[in-house]
PDB file of N, CA and C in Angstrom:
ATOM      1  N   UNK A   1     -21.151  22.398   9.608  1.00  0.00           N
ATOM      2  CA  UNK A   1     -20.500  23.645   9.940  1.00  0.00           C
ATOM      3  C   UNK A   1     -21.413  24.425  10.869  1.00  0.00           C
ATOM      4  N   UNK A   2     -20.783  25.169  11.742  1.00  0.00           N
ATOM      5  CA  UNK A   2     -21.536  25.916  12.726  1.00  0.00           C
ATOM      6  C   UNK A   2     -21.138  27.383  12.670  1.00  0.00           C
ATOM      7  N   UNK A   3     -21.865  28.209  13.403  1.00  0.00           N
ATOM      8  CA  UNK A   3     -21.573  29.643  13.419  1.00  0.00           C
ATOM      9  C   UNK A   3     -20.593  30.019  14.522  1.00  0.00           C
ATOM     10  N   UNK A   4     -20.250  29.075  15.375  1.00  0.00           N
ATOM     11  CA  UNK A   4     -19.295  29.338  16.449  1.00  0.00           C
ATOM     12  C   UNK A   4     -17.923  29.647  15.849  1.00  0.00           C
ATOM     13  N   UNK A   5     -17.257  30.653  16.400  1.00  0.00           N
ATOM     14  CA  UNK A   5     -15.953  31.043  15.857  1.00  0.00           C
ATOM     15  C   UNK A   5     -14.971  31.345  16.976  1.00  0.00           C
ATOM     16  N   UNK A   6     -13.670  31.327  16.614  1.00  0.00           N
ATOM     17  CA  UNK A   6     -12.619  31.715  17.538  1.00  0.00           C
ATOM     18  C   UNK A   6     -11.389  32.091  16.714  1.00  0.00           C
ATOM     19  N   UNK A   7     -10.452  32.766  17.355  1.00  0.00           N
ATOM     20  CA  UNK A   7      -9.231  33.195  16.700  1.00  0.00           C
ATOM     21  C   UNK A   7      -8.116  32.194  17.009  1.00  0.00           C
ATOM     22  N   UNK A   8      -7.463  31.686  15.950  1.00  0.00           N
ATOM     23  CA  UNK A   8      -6.300  30.812  16.094  1.00  0.00           C
ATOM     24  C   UNK A   8      -5.180  31.440  15.277  1.00  0.00           C
ATOM     25  N   UNK A   9      -4.080  31.785  15.935  1.00  0.00           N
ATOM     26  CA  UNK A   9      -2.922  32.399  15.271  1.00  0.00           C
ATOM     27  C   UNK A   9      -3.327  33.586  14.409  1.00  0.00           C
ATOM     28  N   UNK A  10      -4.157  34.434  14.921  1.00  0.00           N
ATOM     29  CA  UNK A  10      -4.665  35.669  14.289  1.00  0.00           C
ATOM     30  C   UNK A  10      -5.585  35.420  13.100  1.00  0.00           C
ATOM     31  N   UNK A  11      -6.063  34.186  12.903  1.00  0.00           N
ATOM     32  CA  UNK A  11      -7.011  33.874  11.828  1.00  0.00           C
ATOM     33  C   UNK A  11      -8.373  33.567  12.429  1.00  0.00           C
ATOM     34  N   UNK A  12      -9.418  34.149  11.862  1.00  0.00           N
ATOM     35  CA  UNK A  12     -10.778  33.872  12.299  1.00  0.00           C
ATOM     36  C   UNK A  12     -11.162  32.491  11.797  1.00  0.00           C
ATOM     37  N   UNK A  13     -11.503  31.601  12.727  1.00  0.00           N
ATOM     38  CA  UNK A  13     -11.819  30.218  12.385  1.00  0.00           C
ATOM     39  C   UNK A  13     -13.256  29.896  12.778  1.00  0.00           C
ATOM     40  N   UNK A  14     -13.845  28.987  12.008  1.00  0.00           N
ATOM     41  CA  UNK A  14     -15.197  28.532  12.277  1.00  0.00           C
ATOM     42  C   UNK A  14     -15.176  27.046  12.595  1.00  0.00           C
ATOM     43  N   UNK A  15     -16.160  26.640  13.381  1.00  0.00           N
ATOM     44  CA  UNK A  15     -16.222  25.269  13.879  1.00  0.00           C
ATOM     45  C   UNK A  15     -17.029  24.385  12.930  1.00  0.00           C
ATOM     46  N   UNK A  16     -16.512  23.177  12.698  1.00  0.00           N
ATOM     47  CA  UNK A  16     -17.239  22.150  11.956  1.00  0.00           C
ATOM     48  C   UNK A  16     -17.167  20.875  12.780  1.00  0.00           C
ATOM     49  N   UNK A  17     -18.270  20.166  12.860  1.00  0.00           N
ATOM     50  CA  UNK A  17     -18.332  18.948  13.662  1.00  0.00           C
ATOM     51  C   UNK A  17     -18.796  17.791  12.782  1.00  0.00           C
ATOM     52  N   UNK A  18     -18.085  16.682  12.877  1.00  0.00           N
ATOM     53  CA  UNK A  18     -18.455  15.453  12.172  1.00  0.00           C
ATOM     54  C   UNK A  18     -18.757  14.398  13.223  1.00  0.00           C
ATOM     55  N   UNK A  19     -19.939  13.791  13.122  1.00  0.00           N
ATOM     56  CA  UNK A  19     -20.330  12.741  14.059  1.00  0.00           C
ATOM     57  C   UNK A  19     -20.387  11.421  13.306  1.00  0.00           C
ATOM     58  N   UNK A  20     -19.582  10.465  13.764  1.00  0.00           N
ATOM     59  CA  UNK A  20     -19.493   9.159  13.113  1.00  0.00           C
ATOM     60  C   UNK A  20     -20.053   8.102  14.056  1.00  0.00           C
ATOM     61  N   UNK A  21     -21.218   7.522  13.722  1.00  0.00           N
ATOM     62  CA  UNK A  21     -21.771   6.469  14.581  1.00  0.00           C
ATOM     63  C   UNK A  21     -21.005   5.157  14.383  1.00  0.00           C
ATOM     64  N   UNK A  22     -20.859   4.412  15.478  1.00  0.00           N
ATOM     65  CA  UNK A  22     -20.201   3.108  15.425  1.00  0.00           C
ATOM     66  C   UNK A  22     -20.727   2.248  16.565  1.00  0.00           C
ATOM     67  N   UNK A  23     -20.430   0.971  16.489  1.00  0.00           N
ATOM     68  CA  UNK A  23     -20.805   0.032  17.543  1.00  0.00           C
ATOM     69  C   UNK A  23     -19.512  -0.459  18.181  1.00  0.00           C
ATOM     70  N   UNK A  24     -19.403  -0.276  19.505  1.00  0.00           N
ATOM     71  CA  UNK A  24     -18.168  -0.690  20.182  1.00  0.00           C
ATOM     72  C   UNK A  24     -18.153  -2.211  20.364  1.00  0.00           C
ATOM     73  N   UNK A  25     -17.061  -2.720  20.935  1.00  0.00           N
ATOM     74  CA  UNK A  25     -16.922  -4.169  21.050  1.00  0.00           C
ATOM     75  C   UNK A  25     -17.901  -4.805  22.030  1.00  0.00           C
ATOM     76  N   UNK A  26     -18.561  -3.987  22.850  1.00  0.00           N
ATOM     77  CA  UNK A  26     -19.591  -4.504  23.750  1.00  0.00           C
ATOM     78  C   UNK A  26     -20.958  -4.512  23.078  1.00  0.00           C
ATOM     79  N   UNK A  27     -21.002  -4.049  21.801  1.00  0.00           N
ATOM     80  CA  UNK A  27     -22.264  -4.020  21.078  1.00  0.00           C
ATOM     81  C   UNK A  27     -23.089  -2.775  21.336  1.00  0.00           C
ATOM     82  N   UNK A  28     -22.499  -1.776  21.981  1.00  0.00           N
ATOM     83  CA  UNK A  28     -23.222  -0.546  22.290  1.00  0.00           C
ATOM     84  C   UNK A  28     -23.044   0.465  21.164  1.00  0.00           C
ATOM     85  N   UNK A  29     -24.135   1.126  20.807  1.00  0.00           N
ATOM     86  CA  UNK A  29     -24.071   2.162  19.767  1.00  0.00           C
ATOM     87  C   UNK A  29     -23.460   3.426  20.369  1.00  0.00           C
ATOM     88  N   UNK A  30     -22.443   3.939  19.735  1.00  0.00           N
ATOM     89  CA  UNK A  30     -21.745   5.149  20.184  1.00  0.00           C
ATOM     90  C   UNK A  30     -21.580   6.100  19.015  1.00  0.00           C
ATOM     91  N   UNK A  31     -21.155   7.318  19.339  1.00  0.00           N
ATOM     92  CA  UNK A  31     -20.884   8.325  18.318  1.00  0.00           C
ATOM     93  C   UNK A  31     -19.507   8.922  18.568  1.00  0.00           C
ATOM     94  N   UNK A  32     -18.640   8.868  17.553  1.00  0.00           N
ATOM     95  CA  UNK A  32     -17.321   9.488  17.626  1.00  0.00           C
ATOM     96  C   UNK A  32     -17.457  10.891  17.048  1.00  0.00           C
ATOM     97  N   UNK A  33     -17.176  11.906  17.853  1.00  0.00           N
ATOM     98  CA  UNK A  33     -17.327  13.291  17.410  1.00  0.00           C
ATOM     99  C   UNK A  33     -15.960  13.894  17.121  1.00  0.00           C
ATOM    100  N   UNK A  34     -15.817  14.440  15.913  1.00  0.00           N
ATOM    101  CA  UNK A  34     -14.583  15.087  15.493  1.00  0.00           C
ATOM    102  C   UNK A  34     -14.890  16.560  15.273  1.00  0.00           C
ATOM    103  N   UNK A  35     -14.124  17.429  15.933  1.00  0.00           N
ATOM    104  CA  UNK A  35     -14.315  18.870  15.811  1.00  0.00           C
ATOM    105  C   UNK A  35     -13.137  19.467  15.060  1.00  0.00           C
ATOM    106  N   UNK A  36     -13.437  20.292  14.068  1.00  0.00           N
ATOM    107  CA  UNK A  36     -12.386  20.950  13.291  1.00  0.00           C
ATOM    108  C   UNK A  36     -12.647  22.449  13.269  1.00  0.00           C
ATOM    109  N   UNK A  37     -11.574  23.227  13.352  1.00  0.00           N
ATOM    110  CA  UNK A  37     -11.651  24.679  13.257  1.00  0.00           C
ATOM    111  C   UNK A  37     -10.903  25.081  11.993  1.00  0.00           C
ATOM    112  N   UNK A  38     -11.605  25.732  11.073  1.00  0.00           N
ATOM    113  CA  UNK A  38     -11.004  26.078   9.795  1.00  0.00           C
ATOM    114  C   UNK A  38     -11.068  27.581   9.550  1.00  0.00           C
ATOM    115  N   UNK A  39     -10.099  28.085   8.777  1.00  0.00           N
ATOM    116  CA  UNK A  39      -9.988  29.516   8.475  1.00  0.00           C
ATOM    117  C   UNK A  39     -10.345  29.756   7.006  1.00  0.00           C
ATOM    118  N   UNK A  40     -11.522  30.311   6.715  1.00  0.00           N
ATOM    119  CA  UNK A  40     -11.897  30.574   5.326  1.00  0.00           C
ATOM    120  C   UNK A  40     -10.983  31.577   4.632  1.00  0.00           C
ATOM    121  N   UNK A  41     -10.266  32.408   5.394  1.00  0.00           N
ATOM    122  CA  UNK A  41      -9.361  33.384   4.786  1.00  0.00           C
ATOM    123  C   UNK A  41      -8.115  32.714   4.207  1.00  0.00           C
ATOM    124  N   UNK A  42      -7.883  31.442   4.550  1.00  0.00           N
ATOM    125  CA  UNK A  42      -6.795  30.648   3.971  1.00  0.00           C
ATOM    126  C   UNK A  42      -7.457  29.602   3.064  1.00  0.00           C
ATOM    127  N   UNK A  43      -7.605  29.892   1.776  1.00  0.00           N
ATOM    128  CA  UNK A  43      -8.435  29.064   0.882  1.00  0.00           C
ATOM    129  C   UNK A  43      -7.779  27.749   0.445  1.00  0.00           C
ATOM    130  N   UNK A  44      -7.386  26.946   1.409  1.00  0.00           N
ATOM    131  CA  UNK A  44      -6.769  25.651   1.122  1.00  0.00           C
ATOM    132  C   UNK A  44      -7.563  24.586   1.865  1.00  0.00           C
ATOM    133  N   UNK A  45      -8.007  23.555   1.171  1.00  0.00           N
ATOM    134  CA  UNK A  45      -8.874  22.530   1.766  1.00  0.00           C
ATOM    135  C   UNK A  45      -8.082  21.392   2.401  1.00  0.00           C
ATOM    136  N   UNK A  46      -7.104  21.720   3.212  1.00  0.00           N
ATOM    137  CA  UNK A  46      -6.247  20.706   3.820  1.00  0.00           C
ATOM    138  C   UNK A  46      -6.288  20.804   5.341  1.00  0.00           C
ATOM    139  N   UNK A  47      -5.781  19.764   5.988  1.00  0.00           N
ATOM    140  CA  UNK A  47      -5.709  19.756   7.438  1.00  0.00           C
ATOM    141  C   UNK A  47      -4.818  18.630   7.907  1.00  0.00           C
ATOM    142  N   UNK A  48      -4.717  18.439   9.219  1.00  0.00           N
ATOM    143  CA  UNK A  48      -3.863  17.365   9.755  1.00  0.00           C
ATOM    144  C   UNK A  48      -4.483  15.991   9.535  1.00  0.00           C
ATOM    145  N   UNK A  49      -3.628  14.990   9.569  1.00  0.00           N
ATOM    146  CA  UNK A  49      -4.028  13.585   9.395  1.00  0.00           C
ATOM    147  C   UNK A  49      -4.787  13.420   8.091  1.00  0.00           C
ATOM    148  N   UNK A  50      -5.954  12.839   8.153  1.00  0.00           N
ATOM    149  CA  UNK A  50      -6.752  12.580   6.958  1.00  0.00           C
ATOM    150  C   UNK A  50      -7.928  13.552   6.817  1.00  0.00           C
ATOM    151  N   UNK A  51      -7.847  14.694   7.470  1.00  0.00           N
ATOM    152  CA  UNK A  51      -8.948  15.656   7.431  1.00  0.00           C
ATOM    153  C   UNK A  51      -8.723  16.661   6.306  1.00  0.00           C
ATOM    154  N   UNK A  52      -9.745  16.878   5.517  1.00  0.00           N
ATOM    155  CA  UNK A  52      -9.675  17.840   4.419  1.00  0.00           C
ATOM    156  C   UNK A  52     -11.095  18.117   3.929  1.00  0.00           C
ATOM    157  N   UNK A  53     -11.222  19.050   3.003  1.00  0.00           N
ATOM    158  CA  UNK A  53     -12.503  19.268   2.350  1.00  0.00           C
ATOM    159  C   UNK A  53     -13.325  20.429   2.872  1.00  0.00           C
ATOM    160  N   UNK A  54     -12.867  21.098   3.905  1.00  0.00           N
ATOM    161  CA  UNK A  54     -13.604  22.259   4.387  1.00  0.00           C
ATOM    162  C   UNK A  54     -13.208  23.489   3.565  1.00  0.00           C
ATOM    163  N   UNK A  55     -14.039  24.529   3.557  1.00  0.00           N
ATOM    164  CA  UNK A  55     -13.736  25.716   2.737  1.00  0.00           C
ATOM    165  C   UNK A  55     -12.696  26.631   3.373  1.00  0.00           C
ATOM    166  N   UNK A  56     -11.589  26.074   3.784  1.00  0.00           N
ATOM    167  CA  UNK A  56     -10.500  26.826   4.392  1.00  0.00           C
ATOM    168  C   UNK A  56      -9.537  25.872   5.075  1.00  0.00           C
ATOM    169  N   UNK A  57      -8.343  26.362   5.354  1.00  0.00           N
ATOM    170  CA  UNK A  57      -7.314  25.539   5.992  1.00  0.00           C
ATOM    171  C   UNK A  57      -7.744  25.164   7.409  1.00  0.00           C
ATOM    172  N   UNK A  58      -7.639  23.890   7.750  1.00  0.00           N
ATOM    173  CA  UNK A  58      -7.995  23.413   9.086  1.00  0.00           C
ATOM    174  C   UNK A  58      -6.811  23.676  10.000  1.00  0.00           C
ATOM    175  N   UNK A  59      -7.023  24.507  11.024  1.00  0.00           N
ATOM    176  CA  UNK A  59      -5.947  24.878  11.936  1.00  0.00           C
ATOM    177  C   UNK A  59      -5.979  24.087  13.241  1.00  0.00           C
ATOM    178  N   UNK A  60      -7.116  23.459  13.550  1.00  0.00           N
ATOM    179  CA  UNK A  60      -7.215  22.672  14.781  1.00  0.00           C
ATOM    180  C   UNK A  60      -8.249  21.577  14.601  1.00  0.00           C
ATOM    181  N   UNK A  61      -7.906  20.366  15.066  1.00  0.00           N
ATOM    182  CA  UNK A  61      -8.878  19.270  15.088  1.00  0.00           C
ATOM    183  C   UNK A  61      -8.782  18.564  16.432  1.00  0.00           C
ATOM    184  N   UNK A  62      -9.917  18.073  16.877  1.00  0.00           N
ATOM    185  CA  UNK A  62      -9.974  17.272  18.092  1.00  0.00           C
ATOM    186  C   UNK A  62     -10.737  16.005  17.764  1.00  0.00           C
ATOM    187  N   UNK A  63     -10.064  14.865  17.977  1.00  0.00           N
ATOM    188  CA  UNK A  63     -10.668  13.564  17.740  1.00  0.00           C
ATOM    189  C   UNK A  63     -10.391  12.727  18.978  1.00  0.00           C
ATOM    190  N   UNK A  64     -11.445  12.164  19.557  1.00  0.00           N
ATOM    191  CA  UNK A  64     -11.356  11.475  20.839  1.00  0.00           C
ATOM    192  C   UNK A  64     -10.771  12.453  21.861  1.00  0.00           C
ATOM    193  N   UNK A  65      -9.617  12.169  22.414  1.00  0.00           N
ATOM    194  CA  UNK A  65      -9.014  13.096  23.374  1.00  0.00           C
ATOM    195  C   UNK A  65      -7.721  13.683  22.841  1.00  0.00           C
ATOM    196  N   UNK A  66      -7.527  13.634  21.506  1.00  0.00           N
ATOM    197  CA  UNK A  66      -6.311  14.133  20.884  1.00  0.00           C
ATOM    198  C   UNK A  66      -6.613  15.392  20.080  1.00  0.00           C
ATOM    199  N   UNK A  67      -5.804  16.427  20.294  1.00  0.00           N
ATOM    200  CA  UNK A  67      -5.972  17.687  19.573  1.00  0.00           C
ATOM    201  C   UNK A  67      -4.721  17.975  18.754  1.00  0.00           C
ATOM    202  N   UNK A  68      -4.951  18.311  17.484  1.00  0.00           N
ATOM    203  CA  UNK A  68      -3.881  18.762  16.599  1.00  0.00           C
ATOM    204  C   UNK A  68      -4.093  20.252  16.384  1.00  0.00           C
ATOM    205  N   UNK A  69      -3.037  21.047  16.609  1.00  0.00           N
ATOM    206  CA  UNK A  69      -3.160  22.498  16.545  1.00  0.00           C
ATOM    207  C   UNK A  69      -2.003  23.084  15.749  1.00  0.00           C
ATOM    208  N   UNK A  70      -2.331  23.957  14.788  1.00  0.00           N
ATOM    209  CA  UNK A  70      -1.284  24.656  14.036  1.00  0.00           C
ATOM    210  C   UNK A  70      -0.666  25.700  14.954  1.00  0.00           C
ATOM    211  N   UNK A  71       0.651  25.670  15.055  1.00  0.00           N
ATOM    212  CA  UNK A  71       1.329  26.633  15.925  1.00  0.00           C
ATOM    213  C   UNK A  71       2.003  27.747  15.149  1.00  0.00           C
ATOM    214  N   UNK A  72       2.279  27.502  13.862  1.00  0.00           N
ATOM    215  CA  UNK A  72       2.950  28.521  13.068  1.00  0.00           C
ATOM    216  C   UNK A  72       2.548  28.358  11.605  1.00  0.00           C
ATOM    217  N   UNK A  73       2.232  29.466  10.943  1.00  0.00           N
ATOM    218  CA  UNK A  73       1.883  29.445   9.529  1.00  0.00           C
ATOM    219  C   UNK A  73       2.807  30.414   8.816  1.00  0.00           C
ATOM    220  N   UNK A  74       3.538  29.909   7.827  1.00  0.00           N
ATOM    221  CA  UNK A  74       4.419  30.766   7.040  1.00  0.00           C
ATOM    222  C   UNK A  74       4.134  30.526   5.559  1.00  0.00           C
ATOM    223  N   UNK A  75       4.290  31.574   4.773  1.00  0.00           N
ATOM    224  CA  UNK A  75       4.087  31.493   3.336  1.00  0.00           C
ATOM    225  C   UNK A  75       5.416  31.721   2.643  1.00  0.00           C
ATOM    226  N   UNK A  76       5.735  30.871   1.708  1.00  0.00           N
ATOM    227  CA  UNK A  76       6.967  30.984   0.942  1.00  0.00           C
ATOM    228  C   UNK A  76       6.657  31.773  -0.325  1.00  0.00           C
ATOM    229  N   UNK A  77       7.337  32.882  -0.526  1.00  0.00           N
ATOM    230  CA  UNK A  77       7.065  33.730  -1.683  1.00  0.00           C
ATOM    231  C   UNK A  77       7.839  33.293  -2.925  1.00  0.00           C
ATOM    232  N   UNK A  78       8.675  32.276  -2.794  1.00  0.00           N
ATOM    233  CA  UNK A  78       9.426  31.777  -3.946  1.00  0.00           C
ATOM    234  C   UNK A  78       8.492  31.074  -4.918  1.00  0.00           C
ATOM    235  N   UNK A  79       8.644  31.393  -6.188  1.00  0.00           N
ATOM    236  CA  UNK A  79       7.821  30.762  -7.205  1.00  0.00           C
ATOM    237  C   UNK A  79       8.424  29.401  -7.545  1.00  0.00           C
ATOM    238  N   UNK A  80       7.582  28.397  -7.601  1.00  0.00           N
ATOM    239  CA  UNK A  80       8.035  27.053  -7.912  1.00  0.00           C
ATOM    240  C   UNK A  80       7.820  26.814  -9.403  1.00  0.00           C
ATOM    241  N   UNK A  81       8.887  26.415 -10.103  1.00  0.00           N
ATOM    242  CA  UNK A  81       8.790  26.135 -11.522  1.00  0.00           C
ATOM    243  C   UNK A  81       8.661  24.633 -11.711  1.00  0.00           C
ATOM    244  N   UNK A  82       7.644  24.244 -12.458  1.00  0.00           N
ATOM    245  CA  UNK A  82       7.402  22.830 -12.722  1.00  0.00           C
ATOM    246  C   UNK A  82       7.750  22.559 -14.176  1.00  0.00           C
ATOM    247  N   UNK A  83       8.673  21.650 -14.405  1.00  0.00           N
ATOM    248  CA  UNK A  83       9.042  21.252 -15.755  1.00  0.00           C
ATOM    249  C   UNK A  83       8.205  20.043 -16.149  1.00  0.00           C
ATOM    250  N   UNK A  84       7.234  20.279 -17.019  1.00  0.00           N
ATOM    251  CA  UNK A  84       6.397  19.183 -17.486  1.00  0.00           C
ATOM    252  C   UNK A  84       7.142  18.404 -18.557  1.00  0.00           C
ATOM    253  N   UNK A  85       6.970  17.095 -18.593  1.00  0.00           N
ATOM    254  CA  UNK A  85       7.668  16.306 -19.608  1.00  0.00           C
ATOM    255  C   UNK A  85       7.157  16.654 -21.000  1.00  0.00           C
ATOM    256  N   UNK A  86       8.063  16.601 -21.951  1.00  0.00           N
ATOM    257  CA  UNK A  86       7.693  16.863 -23.334  1.00  0.00           C
ATOM    258  C   UNK A  86       7.029  15.604 -23.872  1.00  0.00           C
ATOM    259  N   UNK A  87       6.061  15.782 -24.728  1.00  0.00           N
ATOM    260  CA  UNK A  87       5.373  14.629 -25.282  1.00  0.00           C
ATOM    261  C   UNK A  87       4.529  15.016 -26.475  1.00  0.00           C
ATOM    262  N   UNK A  88       3.869  14.037 -27.009  1.00  0.00           N
ATOM    263  CA  UNK A  88       3.029  14.241 -28.176  1.00  0.00           C
ATOM    264  C   UNK A  88       1.575  14.115 -27.735  1.00  0.00           C
ATOM    265  N   UNK A  89       0.733  15.021 -28.187  1.00  0.00           N
ATOM    266  CA  UNK A  89      -0.690  14.970 -27.875  1.00  0.00           C
ATOM    267  C   UNK A  89      -1.366  14.025 -28.858  1.00  0.00           C
ATOM    268  N   UNK A  90      -2.155  13.098 -28.302  1.00  0.00           N
ATOM    269  CA  UNK A  90      -2.889  12.163 -29.158  1.00  0.00           C
ATOM    270  C   UNK A  90      -4.371  12.249 -28.829  1.00  0.00           C
ATOM    271  N   UNK A  91      -5.191  11.718 -29.722  1.00  0.00           N
ATOM    272  CA  UNK A  91      -6.634  11.743 -29.507  1.00  0.00           C
ATOM    273  C   UNK A  91      -7.020  10.669 -28.505  1.00  0.00           C
ATOM    274  N   UNK A  92      -8.207  10.767 -27.986  1.00  0.00           N
ATOM    275  CA  UNK A  92      -8.724   9.786 -27.034  1.00  0.00           C
ATOM    276  C   UNK A  92      -8.813   8.408 -27.682  1.00  0.00           C
ATOM    277  N   UNK A  93      -9.221   8.371 -28.950  1.00  0.00           N
ATOM    278  CA  UNK A  93      -9.338   7.096 -29.650  1.00  0.00           C
ATOM    279  C   UNK A  93      -7.972   6.415 -29.784  1.00  0.00           C
ATOM    280  N   UNK A  94      -6.940   7.186 -30.159  1.00  0.00           N
ATOM    281  CA  UNK A  94      -5.596   6.621 -30.266  1.00  0.00           C
ATOM    282  C   UNK A  94      -5.099   6.123 -28.910  1.00  0.00           C
ATOM    283  N   UNK A  95      -5.396   6.887 -27.867  1.00  0.00           N
ATOM    284  CA  UNK A  95      -5.002   6.478 -26.510  1.00  0.00           C
ATOM    285  C   UNK A  95      -5.665   5.154 -26.151  1.00  0.00           C
ATOM    286  N   UNK A  96      -6.980   5.059 -26.415  1.00  0.00           N
ATOM    287  CA  UNK A  96      -7.703   3.825 -26.102  1.00  0.00           C
ATOM    288  C   UNK A  96      -7.143   2.631 -26.877  1.00  0.00           C
ATOM    289  N   UNK A  97      -6.777   2.845 -28.174  1.00  0.00           N
ATOM    290  CA  UNK A  97      -6.196   1.758 -28.970  1.00  0.00           C
ATOM    291  C   UNK A  97      -4.873   1.299 -28.374  1.00  0.00           C
ATOM    292  N   UNK A  98      -4.006   2.243 -28.006  1.00  0.00           N
ATOM    293  CA  UNK A  98      -2.717   1.888 -27.428  1.00  0.00           C
ATOM    294  C   UNK A  98      -2.889   1.176 -26.092  1.00  0.00           C
ATOM    295  N   UNK A  99      -3.845   1.628 -25.306  1.00  0.00           N
ATOM    296  CA  UNK A  99      -4.098   1.013 -24.013  1.00  0.00           C
ATOM    297  C   UNK A  99      -4.578  -0.425 -24.184  1.00  0.00           C
ATOM    298  N   UNK A 100      -5.521  -0.625 -25.113  1.00  0.00           N
ATOM    299  CA  UNK A 100      -6.023  -1.986 -25.363  1.00  0.00           C
ATOM    300  C   UNK A 100      -4.905  -2.875 -25.872  1.00  0.00           C
ATOM    301  N   UNK A 101      -4.032  -2.343 -26.727  1.00  0.00           N
ATOM    302  CA  UNK A 101      -2.927  -3.137 -27.262  1.00  0.00           C
ATOM    303  C   UNK A 101      -1.965  -3.561 -26.141  1.00  0.00           C
ATOM    304  N   UNK A 102      -1.679  -2.655 -25.213  1.00  0.00           N
ATOM    305  CA  UNK A 102      -0.787  -2.993 -24.106  1.00  0.00           C
ATOM    306  C   UNK A 102      -1.408  -4.017 -23.156  1.00  0.00           C
ATOM    307  N   UNK A 103      -2.737  -3.993 -23.062  1.00  0.00           N
ATOM    308  CA  UNK A 103      -3.427  -4.937 -22.173  1.00  0.00           C
ATOM    309  C   UNK A 103      -3.705  -6.265 -22.872  1.00  0.00           C
ATOM    310  N   UNK A 104      -3.370  -6.331 -24.171  1.00  0.00           N
ATOM    311  CA  UNK A 104      -3.583  -7.572 -24.911  1.00  0.00           C
ATOM    312  C   UNK A 104      -5.020  -7.794 -25.296  1.00  0.00           C
ATOM    313  N   UNK A 105      -5.757  -6.747 -25.468  1.00  0.00           N
ATOM    314  CA  UNK A 105      -7.182  -6.863 -25.823  1.00  0.00           C
ATOM    315  C   UNK A 105      -7.405  -6.634 -27.292  1.00  0.00           C
TER     316      UNK A 105
END
């Protein structure tokens, strides 16, 4: 992570750079640099493609010569209700016994 910052869609974003060393097909050592801009004010550790784990939502990434950029951010105020399945709570030992029995052990 770096101290460089910029504004993306009215969110203050900070720069993070990941350098991945690799050897190309000619046997030359190279470094693939991936740049991500994340907004700490949006406390979600997600981003485009397989990028995640920064302390804020990733709004822009650049990998090779391809840039992914968030163009619109909306929040849904509807509450989502999750219906968890009904079940019986068992101890860890009982769970392990049932698991071993199903595996034929």
